[in-house]
Amino acid sequence: VKKLKARLCVRGFTQRYGVDYEDTWAPTAR
């Protein structure tokens, strides 16, 4: 064990389209 990590994350399924987000794409490289 090196260390313990904690990350605070939004629960994305509680977002509403047109209110909290519109575009969701992000390019990825092959």
PDB file of all heavy atoms in Angstrom:
ATOM      1  N   VAL A   1       0.837  -1.195   0.000  1.00  0.00           N
ATOM      2  CA  VAL A   1       0.000   0.000   0.000  1.00  0.00           C
ATOM      3  C   VAL A   1       0.873   1.246   0.000  1.00  0.00           C
ATOM      4  O   VAL A   1       1.736   1.417   0.855  1.00  0.00           O
ATOM      5  CB  VAL A   1      -0.945   0.014   1.217  1.00  0.00           C
ATOM      6  CG1 VAL A   1      -1.729   1.310   1.275  1.00  0.00           C
ATOM      7  CG2 VAL A   1      -1.879  -1.181   1.157  1.00  0.00           C
ATOM      8  N   LYS A   2       0.654   2.085  -0.995  1.00  0.00           N
ATOM      9  CA  LYS A   2       1.383   3.343  -1.114  1.00  0.00           C
ATOM     10  C   LYS A   2       0.618   4.461  -0.411  1.00  0.00           C
ATOM     11  O   LYS A   2       1.165   5.222   0.365  1.00  0.00           O
ATOM     12  CB  LYS A   2       1.577   3.659  -2.593  1.00  0.00           C
ATOM     13  CG  LYS A   2       2.661   4.604  -2.915  1.00  0.00           C
ATOM     14  CD  LYS A   2       2.893   4.617  -4.426  1.00  0.00           C
ATOM     15  CE  LYS A   2       3.892   5.659  -4.806  1.00  0.00           C
ATOM     16  NZ  LYS A   2       4.069   5.732  -6.248  1.00  0.00           N
ATOM     17  N   LYS A   3      -0.691   4.579  -0.736  1.00  0.00           N
ATOM     18  CA  LYS A   3      -1.545   5.551  -0.064  1.00  0.00           C
ATOM     19  C   LYS A   3      -3.000   5.256  -0.368  1.00  0.00           C
ATOM     20  O   LYS A   3      -3.326   4.518  -1.293  1.00  0.00           O
ATOM     21  CB  LYS A   3      -1.193   6.978  -0.466  1.00  0.00           C
ATOM     22  CG  LYS A   3      -1.509   7.352  -1.887  1.00  0.00           C
ATOM     23  CD  LYS A   3      -1.153   8.825  -2.112  1.00  0.00           C
ATOM     24  CE  LYS A   3      -1.380   9.234  -3.537  1.00  0.00           C
ATOM     25  NZ  LYS A   3      -1.165  10.641  -3.739  1.00  0.00           N
ATOM     26  N   LEU A   4      -3.855   5.855   0.428  1.00  0.00           N
ATOM     27  CA  LEU A   4      -5.289   5.750   0.213  1.00  0.00           C
ATOM     28  C   LEU A   4      -5.740   7.018  -0.502  1.00  0.00           C
ATOM     29  O   LEU A   4      -5.279   8.110  -0.183  1.00  0.00           O
ATOM     30  CB  LEU A   4      -6.022   5.608   1.545  1.00  0.00           C
ATOM     31  CG  LEU A   4      -5.603   4.419   2.423  1.00  0.00           C
ATOM     32  CD1 LEU A   4      -6.451   4.367   3.682  1.00  0.00           C
ATOM     33  CD2 LEU A   4      -5.724   3.116   1.656  1.00  0.00           C
ATOM     34  N   LYS A   5      -6.623   6.862  -1.481  1.00  0.00           N
ATOM     35  CA  LYS A   5      -7.096   8.000  -2.268  1.00  0.00           C
ATOM     36  C   LYS A   5      -8.605   8.128  -2.139  1.00  0.00           C
ATOM     37  O   LYS A   5      -9.313   7.130  -2.037  1.00  0.00           O
ATOM     38  CB  LYS A   5      -6.769   7.807  -3.757  1.00  0.00           C
ATOM     39  CG  LYS A   5      -5.321   7.731  -4.089  1.00  0.00           C
ATOM     40  CD  LYS A   5      -4.714   8.964  -4.646  1.00  0.00           C
ATOM     41  CE  LYS A   5      -5.549   9.671  -5.671  1.00  0.00           C
ATOM     42  NZ  LYS A   5      -5.004  10.909  -6.136  1.00  0.00           N
ATOM     43  N   ALA A   6      -9.056   9.373  -2.151  1.00  0.00           N
ATOM     44  CA  ALA A   6     -10.486   9.653  -2.169  1.00  0.00           C
ATOM     45  C   ALA A   6     -10.734  10.711  -3.230  1.00  0.00           C
ATOM     46  O   ALA A   6      -9.980  11.677  -3.325  1.00  0.00           O
ATOM     47  CB  ALA A   6     -10.949  10.154  -0.810  1.00  0.00           C
ATOM     48  N   ARG A   7     -11.755  10.513  -4.022  1.00  0.00           N
ATOM     49  CA  ARG A   7     -12.103  11.488  -5.059  1.00  0.00           C
ATOM     50  C   ARG A   7     -13.582  11.808  -4.907  1.00  0.00           C
ATOM     51  O   ARG A   7     -14.410  10.902  -4.787  1.00  0.00           O
ATOM     52  CB  ARG A   7     -11.829  10.912  -6.442  1.00  0.00           C
ATOM     53  CG  ARG A   7     -12.310  11.823  -7.540  1.00  0.00           C
ATOM     54  CD  ARG A   7     -11.515  11.781  -8.793  1.00  0.00           C
ATOM     55  NE  ARG A   7     -10.181  12.302  -8.569  1.00  0.00           N
ATOM     56  CZ  ARG A   7      -9.086  11.795  -9.122  1.00  0.00           C
ATOM     57  NH1 ARG A   7      -9.168  10.744  -9.900  1.00  0.00           N
ATOM     58  NH2 ARG A   7      -7.925  12.323  -8.917  1.00  0.00           N
ATOM     59  N   LEU A   8     -13.901  13.112  -4.919  1.00  0.00           N
ATOM     60  CA  LEU A   8     -15.297  13.542  -4.867  1.00  0.00           C
ATOM     61  C   LEU A   8     -15.814  13.635  -6.293  1.00  0.00           C
ATOM     62  O   LEU A   8     -15.244  14.353  -7.117  1.00  0.00           O
ATOM     63  CB  LEU A   8     -15.421  14.897  -4.162  1.00  0.00           C
ATOM     64  CG  LEU A   8     -16.842  15.411  -3.970  1.00  0.00           C
ATOM     65  CD1 LEU A   8     -17.643  14.468  -3.071  1.00  0.00           C
ATOM     66  CD2 LEU A   8     -16.834  16.810  -3.394  1.00  0.00           C
ATOM     67  N   CYS A   9     -16.857  12.893  -6.589  1.00  0.00           N
ATOM     68  CA  CYS A   9     -17.395  12.823  -7.955  1.00  0.00           C
ATOM     69  C   CYS A   9     -18.862  13.208  -7.972  1.00  0.00           C
ATOM     70  O   CYS A   9     -19.627  12.819  -7.087  1.00  0.00           O
ATOM     71  CB  CYS A   9     -17.282  11.405  -8.504  1.00  0.00           C
ATOM     72  SG  CYS A   9     -15.598  10.820  -8.648  1.00  0.00           S
ATOM     73  N   VAL A  10     -19.236  13.948  -9.004  1.00  0.00           N
ATOM     74  CA  VAL A  10     -20.648  14.212  -9.252  1.00  0.00           C
ATOM     75  C   VAL A  10     -21.269  12.920  -9.760  1.00  0.00           C
ATOM     76  O   VAL A  10     -20.631  12.165 -10.492  1.00  0.00           O
ATOM     77  CB  VAL A  10     -20.804  15.340 -10.309  1.00  0.00           C
ATOM     78  CG1 VAL A  10     -22.221  15.408 -10.842  1.00  0.00           C
ATOM     79  CG2 VAL A  10     -20.387  16.670  -9.731  1.00  0.00           C
ATOM     80  N   ARG A  11     -22.479  12.682  -9.377  1.00  0.00           N
ATOM     81  CA  ARG A  11     -23.197  11.520  -9.883  1.00  0.00           C
ATOM     82  C   ARG A  11     -23.881  11.968 -11.172  1.00  0.00           C
ATOM     83  O   ARG A  11     -24.955  12.554 -11.146  1.00  0.00           O
ATOM     84  CB  ARG A  11     -24.176  11.022  -8.835  1.00  0.00           C
ATOM     85  CG  ARG A  11     -23.409  10.569  -7.579  1.00  0.00           C
ATOM     86  CD  ARG A  11     -24.297  10.324  -6.417  1.00  0.00           C
ATOM     87  NE  ARG A  11     -24.867   9.000  -6.567  1.00  0.00           N
ATOM     88  CZ  ARG A  11     -25.953   8.597  -5.915  1.00  0.00           C
ATOM     89  NH1 ARG A  11     -26.590   9.422  -5.114  1.00  0.00           N
ATOM     90  NH2 ARG A  11     -26.392   7.379  -6.086  1.00  0.00           N
ATOM     91  N   GLY A  12     -23.191  11.731 -12.301  1.00  0.00           N
ATOM     92  CA  GLY A  12     -23.593  12.267 -13.596  1.00  0.00           C
ATOM     93  C   GLY A  12     -25.021  11.958 -13.999  1.00  0.00           C
ATOM     94  O   GLY A  12     -25.635  12.732 -14.734  1.00  0.00           O
ATOM     95  N   PHE A  13     -25.559  10.868 -13.506  1.00  0.00           N
ATOM     96  CA  PHE A  13     -26.930  10.522 -13.876  1.00  0.00           C
ATOM     97  C   PHE A  13     -27.941  11.499 -13.280  1.00  0.00           C
ATOM     98  O   PHE A  13     -29.110  11.487 -13.660  1.00  0.00           O
ATOM     99  CB  PHE A  13     -27.268   9.071 -13.490  1.00  0.00           C
ATOM    100  CG  PHE A  13     -27.222   8.800 -12.011  1.00  0.00           C
ATOM    101  CD1 PHE A  13     -28.312   9.064 -11.199  1.00  0.00           C
ATOM    102  CD2 PHE A  13     -26.075   8.264 -11.438  1.00  0.00           C
ATOM    103  CE1 PHE A  13     -28.266   8.801  -9.833  1.00  0.00           C
ATOM    104  CE2 PHE A  13     -26.017   7.997 -10.092  1.00  0.00           C
ATOM    105  CZ  PHE A  13     -27.122   8.275  -9.277  1.00  0.00           C
ATOM    106  N   THR A  14     -27.504  12.377 -12.357  1.00  0.00           N
ATOM    107  CA  THR A  14     -28.413  13.379 -11.797  1.00  0.00           C
ATOM    108  C   THR A  14     -28.373  14.685 -12.587  1.00  0.00           C
ATOM    109  O   THR A  14     -29.074  15.633 -12.243  1.00  0.00           O
ATOM    110  CB  THR A  14     -28.104  13.648 -10.309  1.00  0.00           C
ATOM    111  OG1 THR A  14     -26.778  14.173 -10.177  1.00  0.00           O
ATOM    112  CG2 THR A  14     -28.256  12.392  -9.475  1.00  0.00           C
ATOM    113  N   GLN A  15     -27.563  14.740 -13.647  1.00  0.00           N
ATOM    114  CA  GLN A  15     -27.540  15.919 -14.507  1.00  0.00           C
ATOM    115  C   GLN A  15     -28.754  15.894 -15.427  1.00  0.00           C
ATOM    116  O   GLN A  15     -29.272  14.822 -15.755  1.00  0.00           O
ATOM    117  CB  GLN A  15     -26.262  15.951 -15.357  1.00  0.00           C
ATOM    118  CG  GLN A  15     -25.038  16.322 -14.569  1.00  0.00           C
ATOM    119  CD  GLN A  15     -23.829  16.479 -15.467  1.00  0.00           C
ATOM    120  OE1 GLN A  15     -23.152  15.504 -15.725  1.00  0.00           O
ATOM    121  NE2 GLN A  15     -23.589  17.687 -15.934  1.00  0.00           N
ATOM    122  N   ARG A  16     -29.192  17.088 -15.844  1.00  0.00           N
ATOM    123  CA  ARG A  16     -30.330  17.197 -16.754  1.00  0.00           C
ATOM    124  C   ARG A  16     -29.879  17.847 -18.052  1.00  0.00           C
ATOM    125  O   ARG A  16     -29.288  18.932 -18.035  1.00  0.00           O
ATOM    126  CB  ARG A  16     -31.459  18.001 -16.106  1.00  0.00           C
ATOM    127  CG  ARG A  16     -32.100  17.274 -14.951  1.00  0.00           C
ATOM    128  CD  ARG A  16     -33.400  17.882 -14.478  1.00  0.00           C
ATOM    129  NE  ARG A  16     -33.499  19.320 -14.678  1.00  0.00           N
ATOM    130  CZ  ARG A  16     -33.962  20.182 -13.788  1.00  0.00           C
ATOM    131  NH1 ARG A  16     -34.341  19.760 -12.605  1.00  0.00           N
ATOM    132  NH2 ARG A  16     -34.041  21.461 -14.065  1.00  0.00           N
ATOM    133  N   TYR A  17     -30.178  17.197 -19.164  1.00  0.00           N
ATOM    134  CA  TYR A  17     -29.800  17.716 -20.466  1.00  0.00           C
ATOM    135  C   TYR A  17     -30.433  19.085 -20.679  1.00  0.00           C
ATOM    136  O   TYR A  17     -31.602  19.296 -20.379  1.00  0.00           O
ATOM    137  CB  TYR A  17     -30.235  16.761 -21.582  1.00  0.00           C
ATOM    138  CG  TYR A  17     -29.886  17.276 -22.955  1.00  0.00           C
ATOM    139  CD1 TYR A  17     -28.582  17.197 -23.428  1.00  0.00           C
ATOM    140  CD2 TYR A  17     -30.842  17.873 -23.756  1.00  0.00           C
ATOM    141  CE1 TYR A  17     -28.237  17.684 -24.674  1.00  0.00           C
ATOM    142  CE2 TYR A  17     -30.505  18.355 -25.008  1.00  0.00           C
ATOM    143  CZ  TYR A  17     -29.202  18.266 -25.463  1.00  0.00           C
ATOM    144  OH  TYR A  17     -28.862  18.751 -26.687  1.00  0.00           O
ATOM    145  N   GLY A  18     -29.635  20.028 -21.176  1.00  0.00           N
ATOM    146  CA  GLY A  18     -30.110  21.379 -21.422  1.00  0.00           C
ATOM    147  C   GLY A  18     -30.049  22.276 -20.192  1.00  0.00           C
ATOM    148  O   GLY A  18     -30.193  23.492 -20.297  1.00  0.00           O
ATOM    149  N   VAL A  19     -29.844  21.673 -19.023  1.00  0.00           N
ATOM    150  CA  VAL A  19     -29.725  22.449 -17.785  1.00  0.00           C
ATOM    151  C   VAL A  19     -28.282  22.402 -17.294  1.00  0.00           C
ATOM    152  O   VAL A  19     -27.650  23.439 -17.113  1.00  0.00           O
ATOM    153  CB  VAL A  19     -30.677  21.904 -16.682  1.00  0.00           C
ATOM    154  CG1 VAL A  19     -30.484  22.639 -15.370  1.00  0.00           C
ATOM    155  CG2 VAL A  19     -32.128  21.991 -17.143  1.00  0.00           C
ATOM    156  N   ASP A  20     -27.760  21.198 -17.094  1.00  0.00           N
ATOM    157  CA  ASP A  20     -26.399  21.006 -16.575  1.00  0.00           C
ATOM    158  C   ASP A  20     -25.392  20.647 -17.655  1.00  0.00           C
ATOM    159  O   ASP A  20     -24.201  20.659 -17.404  1.00  0.00           O
ATOM    160  CB  ASP A  20     -26.375  19.865 -15.540  1.00  0.00           C
ATOM    161  CG  ASP A  20     -27.304  20.116 -14.386  1.00  0.00           C
ATOM    162  OD1 ASP A  20     -27.351  21.249 -13.900  1.00  0.00           O
ATOM    163  OD2 ASP A  20     -27.989  19.168 -13.990  1.00  0.00           O
ATOM    164  N   TYR A  21     -25.855  20.259 -18.837  1.00  0.00           N
ATOM    165  CA  TYR A  21     -24.922  19.868 -19.895  1.00  0.00           C
ATOM    166  C   TYR A  21     -25.639  19.877 -21.236  1.00  0.00           C
ATOM    167  O   TYR A  21     -26.864  19.850 -21.302  1.00  0.00           O
ATOM    168  CB  TYR A  21     -24.325  18.488 -19.636  1.00  0.00           C
ATOM    169  CG  TYR A  21     -25.278  17.346 -19.892  1.00  0.00           C
ATOM    170  CD1 TYR A  21     -25.241  16.658 -21.097  1.00  0.00           C
ATOM    171  CD2 TYR A  21     -26.208  16.948 -18.943  1.00  0.00           C
ATOM    172  CE1 TYR A  21     -26.105  15.602 -21.340  1.00  0.00           C
ATOM    173  CE2 TYR A  21     -27.066  15.898 -19.186  1.00  0.00           C
ATOM    174  CZ  TYR A  21     -27.018  15.231 -20.381  1.00  0.00           C
ATOM    175  OH  TYR A  21     -27.873  14.204 -20.628  1.00  0.00           O
ATOM    176  N   GLU A  22     -24.842  19.940 -22.287  1.00  0.00           N
ATOM    177  CA  GLU A  22     -25.355  19.756 -23.643  1.00  0.00           C
ATOM    178  C   GLU A  22     -24.436  18.808 -24.390  1.00  0.00           C
ATOM    179  O   GLU A  22     -24.780  17.682 -24.630  1.00  0.00           O
ATOM    180  CB  GLU A  22     -25.512  21.096 -24.355  1.00  0.00           C
ATOM    181  CG  GLU A  22     -26.694  21.883 -23.790  1.00  0.00           C
ATOM    182  CD  GLU A  22     -26.979  23.159 -24.521  1.00  0.00           C
ATOM    183  OE1 GLU A  22     -26.509  23.322 -25.658  1.00  0.00           O
ATOM    184  OE2 GLU A  22     -27.681  24.007 -23.946  1.00  0.00           O
ATOM    185  N   ASP A  23     -23.220  19.256 -24.712  1.00  0.00           N
ATOM    186  CA  ASP A  23     -22.265  18.396 -25.416  1.00  0.00           C
ATOM    187  C   ASP A  23     -21.505  17.525 -24.429  1.00  0.00           C
ATOM    188  O   ASP A  23     -21.074  18.003 -23.383  1.00  0.00           O
ATOM    189  CB  ASP A  23     -21.265  19.227 -26.210  1.00  0.00           C
ATOM    190  CG  ASP A  23     -21.926  19.957 -27.368  1.00  0.00           C
ATOM    191  OD1 ASP A  23     -22.940  19.438 -27.880  1.00  0.00           O
ATOM    192  OD2 ASP A  23     -21.440  21.027 -27.746  1.00  0.00           O
ATOM    193  N   THR A  24     -21.328  16.248 -24.791  1.00  0.00           N
ATOM    194  CA  THR A  24     -20.609  15.340 -23.894  1.00  0.00           C
ATOM    195  C   THR A  24     -19.421  14.656 -24.549  1.00  0.00           C
ATOM    196  O   THR A  24     -18.678  13.958 -23.886  1.00  0.00           O
ATOM    197  CB  THR A  24     -21.552  14.227 -23.385  1.00  0.00           C
ATOM    198  OG1 THR A  24     -22.036  13.495 -24.499  1.00  0.00           O
ATOM    199  CG2 THR A  24     -22.696  14.800 -22.581  1.00  0.00           C
ATOM    200  N   TRP A  25     -19.224  14.854 -25.828  1.00  0.00           N
ATOM    201  CA  TRP A  25     -18.178  14.140 -26.555  1.00  0.00           C
ATOM    202  C   TRP A  25     -16.786  14.617 -26.153  1.00  0.00           C
ATOM    203  O   TRP A  25     -16.597  15.749 -25.728  1.00  0.00           O
ATOM    204  CB  TRP A  25     -18.352  14.316 -28.061  1.00  0.00           C
ATOM    205  CG  TRP A  25     -18.299  15.761 -28.452  1.00  0.00           C
ATOM    206  CD1 TRP A  25     -19.341  16.627 -28.507  1.00  0.00           C
ATOM    207  CD2 TRP A  25     -17.129  16.518 -28.760  1.00  0.00           C
ATOM    208  NE1 TRP A  25     -18.902  17.879 -28.836  1.00  0.00           N
ATOM    209  CE2 TRP A  25     -17.540  17.848 -29.004  1.00  0.00           C
ATOM    210  CE3 TRP A  25     -15.781  16.224 -28.855  1.00  0.00           C
ATOM    211  CZ2 TRP A  25     -16.660  18.850 -29.342  1.00  0.00           C
ATOM    212  CZ3 TRP A  25     -14.909  17.237 -29.193  1.00  0.00           C
ATOM    213  CH2 TRP A  25     -15.347  18.535 -29.434  1.00  0.00           C
ATOM    214  N   ALA A  26     -15.829  13.756 -26.294  1.00  0.00           N
ATOM    215  CA  ALA A  26     -14.411  14.095 -26.142  1.00  0.00           C
ATOM    216  C   ALA A  26     -13.646  13.223 -27.113  1.00  0.00           C
ATOM    217  O   ALA A  26     -13.867  12.015 -27.174  1.00  0.00           O
ATOM    218  CB  ALA A  26     -13.924  13.849 -24.717  1.00  0.00           C
ATOM    219  N   PRO A  27     -12.770  13.810 -27.919  1.00  0.00           N
ATOM    220  CA  PRO A  27     -12.041  13.002 -28.890  1.00  0.00           C
ATOM    221  C   PRO A  27     -11.091  12.022 -28.208  1.00  0.00           C
ATOM    222  O   PRO A  27     -10.568  12.305 -27.139  1.00  0.00           O
ATOM    223  CB  PRO A  27     -11.268  14.030 -29.718  1.00  0.00           C
ATOM    224  CG  PRO A  27     -11.190  15.223 -28.862  1.00  0.00           C
ATOM    225  CD  PRO A  27     -12.380  15.209 -27.953  1.00  0.00           C
ATOM    226  N   THR A  28     -10.905  10.901 -28.844  1.00  0.00           N
ATOM    227  CA  THR A  28      -9.948   9.918 -28.348  1.00  0.00           C
ATOM    228  C   THR A  28      -9.047   9.504 -29.501  1.00  0.00           C
ATOM    229  O   THR A  28      -9.443   9.573 -30.660  1.00  0.00           O
ATOM    230  CB  THR A  28     -10.657   8.668 -27.784  1.00  0.00           C
ATOM    231  OG1 THR A  28     -11.486   8.122 -28.812  1.00  0.00           O
ATOM    232  CG2 THR A  28     -11.501   9.008 -26.581  1.00  0.00           C
ATOM    233  N   ALA A  29      -7.853   9.104 -29.181  1.00  0.00           N
ATOM    234  CA  ALA A  29      -6.899   8.674 -30.208  1.00  0.00           C
ATOM    235  C   ALA A  29      -6.939   7.151 -30.328  1.00  0.00           C
ATOM    236  O   ALA A  29      -7.038   6.443 -29.324  1.00  0.00           O
ATOM    237  CB  ALA A  29      -5.488   9.119 -29.841  1.00  0.00           C
ATOM    238  N   ARG A  30      -6.838   6.684 -31.539  1.00  0.00           N
ATOM    239  CA  ARG A  30      -6.725   5.247 -31.751  1.00  0.00           C
ATOM    240  C   ARG A  30      -5.315   4.822 -31.357  1.00  0.00           C
ATOM    241  O   ARG A  30      -4.357   5.550 -31.571  1.00  0.00           O
ATOM    242  CB  ARG A  30      -6.987   4.892 -33.207  1.00  0.00           C
ATOM    243  CG  ARG A  30      -8.401   5.159 -33.642  1.00  0.00           C
ATOM    244  CD  ARG A  30      -8.578   4.711 -35.090  1.00  0.00           C
ATOM    245  NE  ARG A  30      -9.864   5.091 -35.594  1.00  0.00           N
ATOM    246  CZ  ARG A  30     -10.952   4.339 -35.500  1.00  0.00           C
ATOM    247  NH1 ARG A  30     -10.893   3.174 -34.902  1.00  0.00           N
ATOM    248  NH2 ARG A  30     -12.086   4.756 -35.992  1.00  0.00           N
TER     249      ARG A  30
END
